[in-house]
PDB file of N, CA and C in Angstrom:
ATOM      1  N   UNK A   1      65.067   0.419 -66.205  1.00  0.00           N
ATOM      2  CA  UNK A   1      64.420  -0.799 -65.788  1.00  0.00           C
ATOM      3  C   UNK A   1      63.242  -0.400 -64.918  1.00  0.00           C
ATOM      4  N   UNK A   2      62.194  -1.000 -64.912  1.00  0.00           N
ATOM      5  CA  UNK A   2      61.899  -2.305 -65.484  1.00  0.00           C
ATOM      6  C   UNK A   2      61.390  -2.213 -66.916  1.00  0.00           C
ATOM      7  N   UNK A   3      61.288  -3.382 -67.521  1.00  0.00           N
ATOM      8  CA  UNK A   3      60.568  -3.519 -68.784  1.00  0.00           C
ATOM      9  C   UNK A   3      59.228  -4.155 -68.435  1.00  0.00           C
ATOM     10  N   UNK A   4      58.141  -3.487 -68.764  1.00  0.00           N
ATOM     11  CA  UNK A   4      56.806  -4.059 -68.591  1.00  0.00           C
ATOM     12  C   UNK A   4      56.334  -4.548 -69.953  1.00  0.00           C
ATOM     13  N   UNK A   5      56.134  -5.835 -70.071  1.00  0.00           N
ATOM     14  CA  UNK A   5      55.640  -6.436 -71.303  1.00  0.00           C
ATOM     15  C   UNK A   5      54.231  -6.928 -71.005  1.00  0.00           C
ATOM     16  N   UNK A   6      53.271  -6.326 -71.663  1.00  0.00           N
ATOM     17  CA  UNK A   6      51.862  -6.581 -71.365  1.00  0.00           C
ATOM     18  C   UNK A   6      51.253  -7.354 -72.529  1.00  0.00           C
ATOM     19  N   UNK A   7      50.869  -8.588 -72.265  1.00  0.00           N
ATOM     20  CA  UNK A   7      50.164  -9.406 -73.244  1.00  0.00           C
ATOM     21  C   UNK A   7      48.695  -9.395 -72.849  1.00  0.00           C
ATOM     22  N   UNK A   8      47.815  -9.214 -73.828  1.00  0.00           N
ATOM     23  CA  UNK A   8      46.389  -9.142 -73.488  1.00  0.00           C
ATOM     24  C   UNK A   8      45.518  -9.578 -74.650  1.00  0.00           C
ATOM     25  N   UNK A   9      44.321 -10.007 -74.314  1.00  0.00           N
ATOM     26  CA  UNK A   9      43.338 -10.319 -75.343  1.00  0.00           C
ATOM     27  C   UNK A   9      42.899  -9.016 -75.999  1.00  0.00           C
ATOM     28  N   UNK A  10      42.451  -9.121 -77.224  1.00  0.00           N
ATOM     29  CA  UNK A  10      42.088  -7.904 -77.971  1.00  0.00           C
ATOM     30  C   UNK A  10      40.660  -7.436 -77.682  1.00  0.00           C
ATOM     31  N   UNK A  11      40.059  -7.943 -76.634  1.00  0.00           N
ATOM     32  CA  UNK A  11      38.668  -7.590 -76.330  1.00  0.00           C
ATOM     33  C   UNK A  11      38.523  -6.837 -75.007  1.00  0.00           C
ATOM     34  N   UNK A  12      39.539  -6.097 -74.623  1.00  0.00           N
ATOM     35  CA  UNK A  12      39.465  -5.353 -73.363  1.00  0.00           C
ATOM     36  C   UNK A  12      38.544  -4.143 -73.507  1.00  0.00           C
ATOM     37  N   UNK A  13      37.880  -3.744 -72.415  1.00  0.00           N
ATOM     38  CA  UNK A  13      36.988  -2.586 -72.464  1.00  0.00           C
ATOM     39  C   UNK A  13      37.724  -1.263 -72.282  1.00  0.00           C
ATOM     40  N   UNK A  14      39.010  -1.251 -72.556  1.00  0.00           N
ATOM     41  CA  UNK A  14      39.807  -0.025 -72.468  1.00  0.00           C
ATOM     42  C   UNK A  14      40.815  -0.054 -73.602  1.00  0.00           C
ATOM     43  N   UNK A  15      41.294   1.110 -73.998  1.00  0.00           N
ATOM     44  CA  UNK A  15      42.254   1.163 -75.097  1.00  0.00           C
ATOM     45  C   UNK A  15      43.604   0.616 -74.639  1.00  0.00           C
ATOM     46  N   UNK A  16      44.364   0.152 -75.586  1.00  0.00           N
ATOM     47  CA  UNK A  16      45.699  -0.358 -75.282  1.00  0.00           C
ATOM     48  C   UNK A  16      46.569   0.744 -74.683  1.00  0.00           C
ATOM     49  N   UNK A  17      46.437   1.962 -75.174  1.00  0.00           N
ATOM     50  CA  UNK A  17      47.231   3.073 -74.642  1.00  0.00           C
ATOM     51  C   UNK A  17      46.848   3.373 -73.199  1.00  0.00           C
ATOM     52  N   UNK A  18      45.564   3.304 -72.888  1.00  0.00           N
ATOM     53  CA  UNK A  18      45.129   3.523 -71.501  1.00  0.00           C
ATOM     54  C   UNK A  18      45.685   2.427 -70.592  1.00  0.00           C
ATOM     55  N   UNK A  19      45.653   1.184 -71.054  1.00  0.00           N
ATOM     56  CA  UNK A  19      46.234   0.074 -70.302  1.00  0.00           C
ATOM     57  C   UNK A  19      47.716   0.321 -70.035  1.00  0.00           C
ATOM     58  N   UNK A  20      48.443   0.740 -71.064  1.00  0.00           N
ATOM     59  CA  UNK A  20      49.866   1.065 -70.905  1.00  0.00           C
ATOM     60  C   UNK A  20      50.063   2.179 -69.887  1.00  0.00           C
ATOM     61  N   UNK A  21      49.281   3.230 -70.003  1.00  0.00           N
ATOM     62  CA  UNK A  21      49.408   4.365 -69.073  1.00  0.00           C
ATOM     63  C   UNK A  21      49.166   3.934 -67.628  1.00  0.00           C
ATOM     64  N   UNK A  22      48.109   3.164 -67.410  1.00  0.00           N
ATOM     65  CA  UNK A  22      47.750   2.730 -66.054  1.00  0.00           C
ATOM     66  C   UNK A  22      48.884   1.925 -65.429  1.00  0.00           C
ATOM     67  N   UNK A  23      49.422   0.960 -66.173  1.00  0.00           N
ATOM     68  CA  UNK A  23      50.458   0.095 -65.614  1.00  0.00           C
ATOM     69  C   UNK A  23      51.802   0.801 -65.504  1.00  0.00           C
ATOM     70  N   UNK A  24      52.113   1.654 -66.462  1.00  0.00           N
ATOM     71  CA  UNK A  24      53.357   2.428 -66.410  1.00  0.00           C
ATOM     72  C   UNK A  24      53.354   3.328 -65.171  1.00  0.00           C
ATOM     73  N   UNK A  25      52.247   4.021 -64.958  1.00  0.00           N
ATOM     74  CA  UNK A  25      52.128   4.905 -63.792  1.00  0.00           C
ATOM     75  C   UNK A  25      52.124   4.114 -62.488  1.00  0.00           C
ATOM     76  N   UNK A  26      51.533   2.928 -62.496  1.00  0.00           N
ATOM     77  CA  UNK A  26      51.527   2.091 -61.294  1.00  0.00           C
ATOM     78  C   UNK A  26      52.946   1.665 -60.930  1.00  0.00           C
ATOM     79  N   UNK A  27      53.732   1.277 -61.921  1.00  0.00           N
ATOM     80  CA  UNK A  27      55.129   0.900 -61.651  1.00  0.00           C
ATOM     81  C   UNK A  27      55.897   2.087 -61.083  1.00  0.00           C
ATOM     82  N   UNK A  28      55.681   3.260 -61.642  1.00  0.00           N
ATOM     83  CA  UNK A  28      56.362   4.464 -61.145  1.00  0.00           C
ATOM     84  C   UNK A  28      55.936   4.778 -59.715  1.00  0.00           C
ATOM     85  N   UNK A  29      54.674   4.534 -59.394  1.00  0.00           N
ATOM     86  CA  UNK A  29      54.160   4.875 -58.060  1.00  0.00           C
ATOM     87  C   UNK A  29      54.796   4.049 -56.949  1.00  0.00           C
ATOM     88  N   UNK A  30      55.388   2.912 -57.284  1.00  0.00           N
ATOM     89  CA  UNK A  30      56.026   2.077 -56.262  1.00  0.00           C
ATOM     90  C   UNK A  30      57.306   2.703 -55.735  1.00  0.00           C
ATOM     91  N   UNK A  31      57.867   3.634 -56.467  1.00  0.00           N
ATOM     92  CA  UNK A  31      59.133   4.296 -56.127  1.00  0.00           C
ATOM     93  C   UNK A  31      60.290   3.301 -56.013  1.00  0.00           C
ATOM     94  N   UNK A  32      60.169   2.170 -56.680  1.00  0.00           N
ATOM     95  CA  UNK A  32      61.253   1.192 -56.725  1.00  0.00           C
ATOM     96  C   UNK A  32      62.217   1.475 -57.867  1.00  0.00           C
ATOM     97  N   UNK A  33      61.816   2.359 -58.788  1.00  0.00           N
ATOM     98  CA  UNK A  33      62.584   2.620 -59.998  1.00  0.00           C
ATOM     99  C   UNK A  33      62.614   4.114 -60.286  1.00  0.00           C
ATOM    100  N   UNK A  34      63.634   4.537 -60.993  1.00  0.00           N
ATOM    101  CA  UNK A  34      63.663   5.888 -61.547  1.00  0.00           C
ATOM    102  C   UNK A  34      62.602   5.910 -62.650  1.00  0.00           C
ATOM    103  N   UNK A  35      61.588   6.764 -62.549  1.00  0.00           N
ATOM    104  CA  UNK A  35      60.507   6.766 -63.546  1.00  0.00           C
ATOM    105  C   UNK A  35      60.988   6.928 -64.985  1.00  0.00           C
ATOM    106  N   UNK A  36      62.123   7.579 -65.184  1.00  0.00           N
ATOM    107  CA  UNK A  36      62.621   7.777 -66.552  1.00  0.00           C
ATOM    108  C   UNK A  36      63.190   6.496 -67.154  1.00  0.00           C
ATOM    109  N   UNK A  37      63.341   5.447 -66.353  1.00  0.00           N
ATOM    110  CA  UNK A  37      63.914   4.198 -66.865  1.00  0.00           C
ATOM    111  C   UNK A  37      62.864   3.124 -67.121  1.00  0.00           C
ATOM    112  N   UNK A  38      61.606   3.404 -66.809  1.00  0.00           N
ATOM    113  CA  UNK A  38      60.547   2.411 -67.016  1.00  0.00           C
ATOM    114  C   UNK A  38      60.186   2.371 -68.499  1.00  0.00           C
ATOM    115  N   UNK A  39      60.141   1.166 -69.042  1.00  0.00           N
ATOM    116  CA  UNK A  39      59.783   0.968 -70.451  1.00  0.00           C
ATOM    117  C   UNK A  39      58.594   0.014 -70.504  1.00  0.00           C
ATOM    118  N   UNK A  40      57.542   0.406 -71.196  1.00  0.00           N
ATOM    119  CA  UNK A  40      56.328  -0.409 -71.262  1.00  0.00           C
ATOM    120  C   UNK A  40      55.924  -0.633 -72.708  1.00  0.00           C
ATOM    121  N   UNK A  41      55.422  -1.824 -72.973  1.00  0.00           N
ATOM    122  CA  UNK A  41      54.908  -2.132 -74.309  1.00  0.00           C
ATOM    123  C   UNK A  41      53.817  -3.186 -74.175  1.00  0.00           C
ATOM    124  N   UNK A  42      52.921  -3.202 -75.143  1.00  0.00           N
ATOM    125  CA  UNK A  42      51.780  -4.117 -75.077  1.00  0.00           C
ATOM    126  C   UNK A  42      51.588  -4.829 -76.405  1.00  0.00           C
ATOM    127  N   UNK A  43      51.080  -6.055 -76.303  1.00  0.00           N
ATOM    128  CA  UNK A  43      50.766  -6.862 -77.480  1.00  0.00           C
ATOM    129  C   UNK A  43      49.372  -7.454 -77.295  1.00  0.00           C
ATOM    130  N   UNK A  44      48.498  -7.204 -78.254  1.00  0.00           N
ATOM    131  CA  UNK A  44      47.144  -7.760 -78.206  1.00  0.00           C
ATOM    132  C   UNK A  44      47.103  -9.070 -78.984  1.00  0.00           C
ATOM    133  N   UNK A  45      46.362 -10.022 -78.452  1.00  0.00           N
ATOM    134  CA  UNK A  45      46.199 -11.309 -79.108  1.00  0.00           C
ATOM    135  C   UNK A  45      44.756 -11.460 -79.559  1.00  0.00           C
ATOM    136  N   UNK A  46      44.598 -11.702 -80.857  1.00  0.00           N
ATOM    137  CA  UNK A  46      43.271 -11.908 -81.430  1.00  0.00           C
ATOM    138  C   UNK A  46      42.800 -13.338 -81.180  1.00  0.00           C
ATOM    139  N   UNK A  47      43.722 -14.266 -81.240  1.00  0.00           N
ATOM    140  CA  UNK A  47      43.398 -15.680 -81.078  1.00  0.00           C
ATOM    141  C   UNK A  47      43.959 -16.174 -79.755  1.00  0.00           C
ATOM    142  N   UNK A  48      43.094 -16.703 -78.912  1.00  0.00           N
ATOM    143  CA  UNK A  48      43.515 -17.227 -77.614  1.00  0.00           C
ATOM    144  C   UNK A  48      42.445 -18.172 -77.091  1.00  0.00           C
ATOM    145  N   UNK A  49      42.853 -19.065 -76.201  1.00  0.00           N
ATOM    146  CA  UNK A  49      41.924 -19.957 -75.510  1.00  0.00           C
ATOM    147  C   UNK A  49      42.250 -19.892 -74.033  1.00  0.00           C
ATOM    148  N   UNK A  50      41.225 -19.855 -73.218  1.00  0.00           N
ATOM    149  CA  UNK A  50      41.394 -19.846 -71.771  1.00  0.00           C
ATOM    150  C   UNK A  50      40.702 -21.077 -71.199  1.00  0.00           C
ATOM    151  N   UNK A  51      41.329 -21.707 -70.235  1.00  0.00           N
ATOM    152  CA  UNK A  51      40.784 -22.925 -69.649  1.00  0.00           C
ATOM    153  C   UNK A  51      39.777 -22.673 -68.543  1.00  0.00           C
ATOM    154  N   UNK A  52      39.202 -21.495 -68.526  1.00  0.00           N
ATOM    155  CA  UNK A  52      38.192 -21.178 -67.511  1.00  0.00           C
ATOM    156  C   UNK A  52      37.064 -20.404 -68.188  1.00  0.00           C
ATOM    157  N   UNK A  53      36.177 -19.851 -67.428  1.00  0.00           N
ATOM    158  CA  UNK A  53      35.053 -19.132 -68.040  1.00  0.00           C
ATOM    159  C   UNK A  53      35.309 -17.637 -68.174  1.00  0.00           C
ATOM    160  N   UNK A  54      36.563 -17.234 -68.166  1.00  0.00           N
ATOM    161  CA  UNK A  54      36.911 -15.825 -68.356  1.00  0.00           C
ATOM    162  C   UNK A  54      36.811 -15.497 -69.846  1.00  0.00           C
ATOM    163  N   UNK A  55      36.505 -14.244 -70.157  1.00  0.00           N
ATOM    164  CA  UNK A  55      36.319 -13.863 -71.563  1.00  0.00           C
ATOM    165  C   UNK A  55      37.574 -13.262 -72.186  1.00  0.00           C
ATOM    166  N   UNK A  56      38.587 -12.977 -71.386  1.00  0.00           N
ATOM    167  CA  UNK A  56      39.819 -12.389 -71.906  1.00  0.00           C
ATOM    168  C   UNK A  56      40.875 -12.382 -70.818  1.00  0.00           C
ATOM    169  N   UNK A  57      42.019 -11.790 -71.123  1.00  0.00           N
ATOM    170  CA  UNK A  57      43.119 -11.843 -70.166  1.00  0.00           C
ATOM    171  C   UNK A  57      44.043 -10.643 -70.301  1.00  0.00           C
ATOM    172  N   UNK A  58      44.808 -10.411 -69.242  1.00  0.00           N
ATOM    173  CA  UNK A  58      45.966  -9.519 -69.253  1.00  0.00           C
ATOM    174  C   UNK A  58      47.050 -10.226 -68.455  1.00  0.00           C
ATOM    175  N   UNK A  59      48.215 -10.382 -69.063  1.00  0.00           N
ATOM    176  CA  UNK A  59      49.370 -10.962 -68.377  1.00  0.00           C
ATOM    177  C   UNK A  59      50.509  -9.960 -68.479  1.00  0.00           C
ATOM    178  N   UNK A  60      51.050  -9.563 -67.330  1.00  0.00           N
ATOM    179  CA  UNK A  60      52.129  -8.578 -67.284  1.00  0.00           C
ATOM    180  C   UNK A  60      53.413  -9.266 -66.862  1.00  0.00           C
ATOM    181  N   UNK A  61      54.446  -9.092 -67.672  1.00  0.00           N
ATOM    182  CA  UNK A  61      55.792  -9.515 -67.307  1.00  0.00           C
ATOM    183  C   UNK A  61      56.566  -8.260 -66.928  1.00  0.00           C
ATOM    184  N   UNK A  62      57.137  -8.260 -65.735  1.00  0.00           N
ATOM    185  CA  UNK A  62      57.981  -7.143 -65.304  1.00  0.00           C
ATOM    186  C   UNK A  62      59.399  -7.676 -65.168  1.00  0.00           C
ATOM    187  N   UNK A  63      60.256  -7.250 -66.067  1.00  0.00           N
ATOM    188  CA  UNK A  63      61.662  -7.664 -66.049  1.00  0.00           C
ATOM    189  C   UNK A  63      62.449  -6.587 -65.323  1.00  0.00           C
ATOM    190  N   UNK A  64      63.057  -6.966 -64.199  1.00  0.00           N
ATOM    191  CA  UNK A  64      63.788  -6.003 -63.374  1.00  0.00           C
ATOM    192  C   UNK A  64      65.198  -6.525 -63.107  1.00  0.00           C
ATOM    193  N   UNK A  65      66.136  -5.609 -62.898  1.00  0.00           N
ATOM    194  CA  UNK A  65      67.492  -6.005 -62.524  1.00  0.00           C
ATOM    195  C   UNK A  65      67.432  -6.633 -61.138  1.00  0.00           C
ATOM    196  N   UNK A  66      68.089  -7.779 -60.980  1.00  0.00           N
ATOM    197  CA  UNK A  66      68.049  -8.468 -59.691  1.00  0.00           C
ATOM    198  C   UNK A  66      68.617  -7.591 -58.582  1.00  0.00           C
ATOM    199  N   UNK A  67      68.243  -7.930 -57.369  1.00  0.00           N
ATOM    200  CA  UNK A  67      68.718  -7.179 -56.220  1.00  0.00           C
ATOM    201  C   UNK A  67      67.602  -6.657 -55.340  1.00  0.00           C
ATOM    202  N   UNK A  68      66.366  -6.696 -55.840  1.00  0.00           N
ATOM    203  CA  UNK A  68      65.229  -6.277 -55.024  1.00  0.00           C
ATOM    204  C   UNK A  68      64.867  -7.394 -54.052  1.00  0.00           C
ATOM    205  N   UNK A  69      64.327  -7.019 -52.914  1.00  0.00           N
ATOM    206  CA  UNK A  69      63.888  -8.016 -51.939  1.00  0.00           C
ATOM    207  C   UNK A  69      62.596  -8.675 -52.414  1.00  0.00           C
ATOM    208  N   UNK A  70      62.278  -9.804 -51.807  1.00  0.00           N
ATOM    209  CA  UNK A  70      61.010 -10.470 -52.112  1.00  0.00           C
ATOM    210  C   UNK A  70      59.851  -9.530 -51.806  1.00  0.00           C
ATOM    211  N   UNK A  71      59.949  -8.796 -50.713  1.00  0.00           N
ATOM    212  CA  UNK A  71      58.882  -7.868 -50.333  1.00  0.00           C
ATOM    213  C   UNK A  71      58.698  -6.768 -51.378  1.00  0.00           C
ATOM    214  N   UNK A  72      59.794  -6.257 -51.936  1.00  0.00           N
ATOM    215  CA  UNK A  72      59.698  -5.233 -52.982  1.00  0.00           C
ATOM    216  C   UNK A  72      59.054  -5.804 -54.238  1.00  0.00           C
ATOM    217  N   UNK A  73      59.404  -7.026 -54.594  1.00  0.00           N
ATOM    218  CA  UNK A  73      58.813  -7.670 -55.768  1.00  0.00           C
ATOM    219  C   UNK A  73      57.328  -7.933 -55.537  1.00  0.00           C
ATOM    220  N   UNK A  74      56.974  -8.353 -54.331  1.00  0.00           N
ATOM    221  CA  UNK A  74      55.562  -8.558 -54.004  1.00  0.00           C
ATOM    222  C   UNK A  74      54.794  -7.245 -54.090  1.00  0.00           C
ATOM    223  N   UNK A  75      55.402  -6.176 -53.614  1.00  0.00           N
ATOM    224  CA  UNK A  75      54.760  -4.859 -53.658  1.00  0.00           C
ATOM    225  C   UNK A  75      54.513  -4.433 -55.106  1.00  0.00           C
ATOM    226  N   UNK A  76      55.502  -4.628 -55.966  1.00  0.00           N
ATOM    227  CA  UNK A  76      55.336  -4.306 -57.386  1.00  0.00           C
ATOM    228  C   UNK A  76      54.216  -5.148 -57.984  1.00  0.00           C
ATOM    229  N   UNK A  77      54.258  -6.447 -57.743  1.00  0.00           N
ATOM    230  CA  UNK A  77      53.248  -7.352 -58.281  1.00  0.00           C
ATOM    231  C   UNK A  77      51.853  -6.987 -57.778  1.00  0.00           C
ATOM    232  N   UNK A  78      51.728  -6.744 -56.479  1.00  0.00           N
ATOM    233  CA  UNK A  78      50.432  -6.373 -55.898  1.00  0.00           C
ATOM    234  C   UNK A  78      49.920  -5.046 -56.448  1.00  0.00           C
ATOM    235  N   UNK A  79      50.813  -4.081 -56.627  1.00  0.00           N
ATOM    236  CA  UNK A  79      50.423  -2.764 -57.149  1.00  0.00           C
ATOM    237  C   UNK A  79      49.904  -2.877 -58.577  1.00  0.00           C
ATOM    238  N   UNK A  80      50.603  -3.627 -59.416  1.00  0.00           N
ATOM    239  CA  UNK A  80      50.171  -3.803 -60.808  1.00  0.00           C
ATOM    240  C   UNK A  80      48.832  -4.538 -60.869  1.00  0.00           C
ATOM    241  N   UNK A  81      48.705  -5.612 -60.079  1.00  0.00           N
ATOM    242  CA  UNK A  81      47.457  -6.374 -60.089  1.00  0.00           C
ATOM    243  C   UNK A  81      46.289  -5.539 -59.572  1.00  0.00           C
ATOM    244  N   UNK A  82      46.527  -4.762 -58.543  1.00  0.00           N
ATOM    245  CA  UNK A  82      45.463  -3.910 -57.999  1.00  0.00           C
ATOM    246  C   UNK A  82      44.954  -2.933 -59.058  1.00  0.00           C
ATOM    247  N   UNK A  83      45.851  -2.365 -59.840  1.00  0.00           N
ATOM    248  CA  UNK A  83      45.427  -1.440 -60.889  1.00  0.00           C
ATOM    249  C   UNK A  83      44.628  -2.156 -61.970  1.00  0.00           C
ATOM    250  N   UNK A  84      45.052  -3.362 -62.334  1.00  0.00           N
ATOM    251  CA  UNK A  84      44.279  -4.126 -63.316  1.00  0.00           C
ATOM    252  C   UNK A  84      42.883  -4.427 -62.780  1.00  0.00           C
ATOM    253  N   UNK A  85      42.805  -4.853 -61.520  1.00  0.00           N
ATOM    254  CA  UNK A  85      41.505  -5.176 -60.927  1.00  0.00           C
ATOM    255  C   UNK A  85      40.607  -3.943 -60.834  1.00  0.00           C
ATOM    256  N   UNK A  86      41.199  -2.781 -60.634  1.00  0.00           N
ATOM    257  CA  UNK A  86      40.434  -1.538 -60.551  1.00  0.00           C
ATOM    258  C   UNK A  86      39.847  -1.148 -61.904  1.00  0.00           C
ATOM    259  N   UNK A  87      40.589  -1.403 -62.978  1.00  0.00           N
ATOM    260  CA  UNK A  87      40.188  -0.920 -64.304  1.00  0.00           C
ATOM    261  C   UNK A  87      39.493  -1.960 -65.183  1.00  0.00           C
ATOM    262  N   UNK A  88      39.540  -3.226 -64.787  1.00  0.00           N
ATOM    263  CA  UNK A  88      38.934  -4.267 -65.625  1.00  0.00           C
ATOM    264  C   UNK A  88      37.893  -5.046 -64.831  1.00  0.00           C
ATOM    265  N   UNK A  89      36.794  -5.410 -65.474  1.00  0.00           N
ATOM    266  CA  UNK A  89      35.765  -6.186 -64.784  1.00  0.00           C
ATOM    267  C   UNK A  89      36.280  -7.579 -64.411  1.00  0.00           C
ATOM    268  N   UNK A  90      35.572  -8.236 -63.512  1.00  0.00           N
ATOM    269  CA  UNK A  90      36.006  -9.509 -62.963  1.00  0.00           C
ATOM    270  C   UNK A  90      36.044 -10.682 -63.916  1.00  0.00           C
ATOM    271  N   UNK A  91      35.529 -10.534 -65.121  1.00  0.00           N
ATOM    272  CA  UNK A  91      35.523 -11.683 -66.019  1.00  0.00           C
ATOM    273  C   UNK A  91      36.762 -11.747 -66.920  1.00  0.00           C
ATOM    274  N   UNK A  92      37.838 -11.073 -66.515  1.00  0.00           N
ATOM    275  CA  UNK A  92      39.121 -11.172 -67.217  1.00  0.00           C
ATOM    276  C   UNK A  92      40.127 -11.869 -66.316  1.00  0.00           C
ATOM    277  N   UNK A  93      40.932 -12.733 -66.900  1.00  0.00           N
ATOM    278  CA  UNK A  93      41.995 -13.405 -66.154  1.00  0.00           C
ATOM    279  C   UNK A  93      43.189 -12.459 -66.094  1.00  0.00           C
ATOM    280  N   UNK A  94      43.655 -12.142 -64.897  1.00  0.00           N
ATOM    281  CA  UNK A  94      44.733 -11.177 -64.696  1.00  0.00           C
ATOM    282  C   UNK A  94      45.904 -11.869 -64.013  1.00  0.00           C
ATOM    283  N   UNK A  95      47.114 -11.616 -64.504  1.00  0.00           N
ATOM    284  CA  UNK A  95      48.289 -12.222 -63.880  1.00  0.00           C
ATOM    285  C   UNK A  95      49.503 -11.319 -64.046  1.00  0.00           C
ATOM    286  N   UNK A  96      50.408 -11.447 -63.074  1.00  0.00           N
ATOM    287  CA  UNK A  96      51.652 -10.674 -63.048  1.00  0.00           C
ATOM    288  C   UNK A  96      52.784 -11.655 -62.798  1.00  0.00           C
ATOM    289  N   UNK A  97      53.894 -11.495 -63.507  1.00  0.00           N
ATOM    290  CA  UNK A  97      55.084 -12.316 -63.271  1.00  0.00           C
ATOM    291  C   UNK A  97      56.293 -11.392 -63.243  1.00  0.00           C
ATOM    292  N   UNK A  98      57.032 -11.436 -62.136  1.00  0.00           N
ATOM    293  CA  UNK A  98      58.236 -10.622 -61.980  1.00  0.00           C
ATOM    294  C   UNK A  98      59.437 -11.497 -62.319  1.00  0.00           C
ATOM    295  N   UNK A  99      60.279 -11.021 -63.213  1.00  0.00           N
ATOM    296  CA  UNK A  99      61.496 -11.733 -63.613  1.00  0.00           C
ATOM    297  C   UNK A  99      62.717 -10.928 -63.183  1.00  0.00           C
ATOM    298  N   UNK A 100      63.691 -11.609 -62.601  1.00  0.00           N
ATOM    299  CA  UNK A 100      64.971 -10.976 -62.277  1.00  0.00           C
ATOM    300  C   UNK A 100      65.917 -11.103 -63.461  1.00  0.00           C
ATOM    301  N   UNK A 101      66.538 -10.000 -63.829  1.00  0.00           N
ATOM    302  CA  UNK A 101      67.571 -10.006 -64.866  1.00  0.00           C
ATOM    303  C   UNK A 101      68.932  -9.901 -64.190  1.00  0.00           C
ATOM    304  N   UNK A 102      69.855 -10.730 -64.612  1.00  0.00           N
ATOM    305  CA  UNK A 102      71.209 -10.674 -64.059  1.00  0.00           C
ATOM    306  C   UNK A 102      71.984  -9.552 -64.737  1.00  0.00           C
ATOM    307  N   UNK A 103      72.478  -8.576 -63.978  1.00  0.00           N
ATOM    308  CA  UNK A 103      73.206  -7.465 -64.596  1.00  0.00           C
ATOM    309  C   UNK A 103      74.480  -7.915 -65.307  1.00  0.00           C
ATOM    310  N   UNK A 104      75.016  -9.071 -64.910  1.00  0.00           N
ATOM    311  CA  UNK A 104      76.236  -9.568 -65.543  1.00  0.00           C
ATOM    312  C   UNK A 104      76.015  -9.989 -66.995  1.00  0.00           C
ATOM    313  N   UNK A 105      74.776 -10.335 -67.338  1.00  0.00           N
ATOM    314  CA  UNK A 105      74.526 -10.789 -68.710  1.00  0.00           C
ATOM    315  C   UNK A 105      73.512  -9.933 -69.461  1.00  0.00           C
ATOM    316  N   UNK A 106      72.889  -8.974 -68.790  1.00  0.00           N
ATOM    317  CA  UNK A 106      71.942  -8.078 -69.464  1.00  0.00           C
ATOM    318  C   UNK A 106      72.737  -7.038 -70.238  1.00  0.00           C
ATOM    319  N   UNK A 107      72.365  -6.815 -71.478  1.00  0.00           N
ATOM    320  CA  UNK A 107      73.049  -5.843 -72.331  1.00  0.00           C
ATOM    321  C   UNK A 107      72.042  -4.898 -72.969  1.00  0.00           C
ATOM    322  N   UNK A 108      72.459  -3.665 -73.157  1.00  0.00           N
ATOM    323  CA  UNK A 108      71.691  -2.689 -73.926  1.00  0.00           C
ATOM    324  C   UNK A 108      72.666  -1.650 -74.454  1.00  0.00           C
ATOM    325  N   UNK A 109      72.244  -0.932 -75.490  1.00  0.00           N
ATOM    326  CA  UNK A 109      73.147   0.098 -76.020  1.00  0.00           C
ATOM    327  C   UNK A 109      72.751   1.454 -75.503  1.00  0.00           C
TER     328      UNK A 109
END
């Protein structure tokens, strides 16, 4: 854990793999997780509409096992957003959403 699910417009000025690397490494840098358990994936959207004057977007969902403090979740969210702001120009809409997963109902093989 966590699972980083990155949704983005297909018009970013960086490769999808570079985007994955940047965010994967940012999550690891928080030291909130064992780096070997971080899983990241990205999906590009060709068709999208934004209700503002931004030309594209990146939305990151971080699914983590519950139990972290609000401050730890804020730190993760701030770290991911800071990396996006560093690597993408200001005309992209950037957002982060942290989701708690209940260990009682989360399953994997």
